[in-house]
Amino acid sequence: MVSHAMMSLEMMHRVSSDTVKGEQPDLTGRQFALLLAIFMRPGPHAVRDLARDLDMPKPAISRALTVLENHGFVRRKKDRRDKRDISVHRTVKGAVFLYDYGENVAHRAEETASCLRWIPASRSPAPTLPTAH
C-alpha cells in the first residue's frame, strides 16, 4: 500500500521536474511562498505585513520581491501618502504563471493517483542487529 506521504512526494517530484525542465522561471521556495502570499490574499500588500505573515526578515522579502519583479510577477509602488512605504501589487503575468503552475499540479496529482503501482510502497526501516561487544 502506498502511503499518502509517498504519493505526495512523487507528485511533488513530477511537478519539480517539470519546473526545472520548462521555460518558466525556477523560483526558490522563499520566492514561491511570497508569490503565493501575494496572490492568495487581496492586496495591495505592505512589505512589513508580508514579512510578518511569512515570519521572514524584511530584507529577505525585499530580495525575493526583486526577483519576482524582474520576472514581471509583481510590481512595487511607493505609497502616495508616505513615500517610505512600498506596496506590492499583483500582475497579470504572475497570475498566469500561478494558474499554469496550479494546472500542472492538478494534472500531476491525477496522474500520480492513477499510477500507484509505479510508486514504491513505504516500508518500515530495516531492523538493526545488535552489535557484538
Protein backbone atom coordinates (compact mmCIF):
# COMPACT_ATOMS: atom_id res chain seq x y z
CA MET A 1 0.00 0.00 0.00
CA VAL A 2 1.32 3.41 -0.94
CA SER A 3 1.39 5.99 1.82
CA HIS A 4 -0.04 9.47 1.37
CA ALA A 5 3.43 10.84 2.02
CA MET A 6 4.94 8.81 -0.83
CA MET A 7 2.13 9.84 -3.19
CA SER A 8 2.65 13.49 -2.27
CA LEU A 9 6.40 13.23 -2.73
CA GLU A 10 6.00 11.53 -6.10
CA MET A 11 3.62 14.25 -7.25
CA MET A 12 6.00 16.94 -6.00
CA HIS A 13 8.88 15.19 -7.78
CA ARG A 14 6.96 15.29 -11.07
CA VAL A 15 5.97 18.95 -10.66
CA SER A 16 9.53 19.93 -9.67
CA SER A 17 10.95 18.06 -12.66
CA ASP A 18 8.53 19.86 -14.96
CA THR A 19 9.55 23.18 -13.44
CA VAL A 20 13.29 22.76 -13.91
CA LYS A 21 12.86 21.35 -17.43
CA GLY A 22 10.42 24.02 -18.55
CA GLU A 23 10.88 27.55 -19.77
CA GLN A 24 9.22 29.16 -16.76
CA PRO A 25 11.37 30.67 -14.01
CA ASP A 26 12.62 28.22 -11.39
CA LEU A 27 11.73 30.09 -8.19
CA THR A 28 13.20 29.29 -4.80
CA GLY A 29 10.89 28.09 -2.05
CA ARG A 30 11.02 31.53 -0.43
CA GLN A 31 10.17 33.33 -3.67
CA PHE A 32 7.33 30.93 -4.41
CA ALA A 33 5.89 31.23 -0.89
CA LEU A 34 5.98 35.01 -1.20
CA LEU A 35 4.31 34.93 -4.62
CA LEU A 36 1.54 32.72 -3.25
CA ALA A 37 1.09 35.00 -0.23
CA ILE A 38 0.64 37.96 -2.57
CA PHE A 39 -1.81 36.21 -4.88
CA MET A 40 -3.85 34.22 -2.36
CA ARG A 41 -4.94 37.27 -0.35
CA PRO A 42 -6.39 40.53 -1.63
CA GLY A 43 -3.85 43.30 -1.95
CA PRO A 44 -2.06 45.55 -2.23
CA HIS A 45 0.40 44.26 0.34
CA ALA A 46 2.82 46.13 2.57
CA VAL A 47 6.32 44.67 2.75
CA ARG A 48 6.21 44.73 6.56
CA ASP A 49 2.93 42.74 6.52
CA LEU A 50 4.37 40.13 4.15
CA ALA A 51 7.46 39.83 6.37
CA ARG A 52 5.27 39.37 9.44
CA ASP A 53 2.90 36.89 7.78
CA LEU A 54 5.73 34.76 6.40
CA ASP A 55 7.92 35.19 9.50
CA MET A 56 10.80 36.40 7.37
CA PRO A 57 13.06 39.43 7.75
CA LYS A 58 12.16 42.44 5.60
CA PRO A 59 15.50 42.32 3.71
CA ALA A 60 14.74 38.72 2.66
CA ILE A 61 11.31 39.80 1.46
CA SER A 62 12.87 42.69 -0.48
CA ARG A 63 15.39 40.39 -2.19
CA ALA A 64 12.67 37.91 -3.14
CA LEU A 65 10.45 40.75 -4.39
CA THR A 66 13.27 41.95 -6.63
CA VAL A 67 13.41 38.55 -8.32
CA LEU A 68 9.62 38.36 -8.65
CA GLU A 69 9.51 41.90 -10.01
CA ASN A 70 12.29 41.13 -12.52
CA HIS A 71 10.16 38.22 -13.81
CA GLY A 72 7.17 40.55 -14.08
CA PHE A 73 5.13 38.60 -11.50
CA VAL A 74 4.62 41.54 -9.10
CA ARG A 75 5.21 45.26 -9.05
CA ARG A 76 6.15 47.59 -6.23
CA LYS A 77 4.79 51.10 -5.87
CA LYS A 78 5.61 53.87 -3.45
CA ASP A 79 2.73 54.90 -1.24
CA ARG A 80 1.38 58.28 -2.33
CA ARG A 81 0.88 59.44 1.24
CA ASP A 82 4.07 58.07 2.78
CA LYS A 83 6.91 57.78 0.25
CA ARG A 84 8.80 55.48 2.64
CA ASP A 85 6.12 52.79 2.38
CA ILE A 86 6.10 50.39 -0.54
CA SER A 87 3.05 48.44 -1.63
CA VAL A 88 3.25 45.21 -3.60
CA HIS A 89 0.74 44.54 -6.37
CA ARG A 90 -0.17 41.50 -8.45
CA THR A 91 0.38 41.40 -12.21
CA VAL A 92 -1.39 39.51 -14.95
CA LYS A 93 1.86 37.70 -15.79
CA GLY A 94 2.13 36.49 -12.19
CA ALA A 95 -1.49 35.33 -12.20
CA VAL A 96 -0.96 33.39 -15.44
CA PHE A 97 2.23 31.81 -14.06
CA LEU A 98 0.44 30.64 -10.90
CA TYR A 99 -2.62 29.43 -12.80
CA ASP A 100 -0.44 27.36 -15.15
CA TYR A 101 1.54 26.03 -12.19
CA GLY A 102 -1.69 25.07 -10.41
CA GLU A 103 -2.98 23.33 -13.53
CA ASN A 104 0.25 21.33 -13.73
CA VAL A 105 -0.02 20.37 -10.04
CA ALA A 106 -3.61 19.19 -10.57
CA HIS A 107 -2.60 17.21 -13.66
CA ARG A 108 0.35 15.60 -11.91
CA ALA A 109 -1.80 14.77 -8.84
CA GLU A 110 -4.35 12.96 -11.03
CA GLU A 111 -1.59 11.19 -12.91
CA THR A 112 0.14 10.13 -9.72
CA ALA A 113 -3.09 8.80 -8.20
CA SER A 114 -3.81 6.76 -11.32
CA CYS A 115 -0.43 5.03 -11.43
CA LEU A 116 0.09 3.91 -7.86
CA ARG A 117 1.87 0.75 -8.93
CA TRP A 118 4.80 2.90 -10.10
CA ILE A 119 5.34 4.37 -6.67
CA PRO A 120 7.27 2.20 -4.24
CA ALA A 121 5.32 1.24 -1.16
CA SER A 122 6.66 2.78 2.00
CA ARG A 123 8.46 0.31 4.14
CA SER A 124 9.44 0.32 7.75
CA PRO A 125 13.16 0.78 8.28
CA ALA A 126 15.10 -2.48 8.33
CA PRO A 127 15.67 -3.80 11.84
CA THR A 128 19.14 -3.20 13.19
CA LEU A 129 21.13 -6.08 14.52
CA PRO A 130 22.76 -5.78 17.93
CA THR A 131 26.49 -5.21 17.70
CA ALA A 132 28.90 -7.58 19.34
CA HIS A 133 30.97 -6.18 22.18
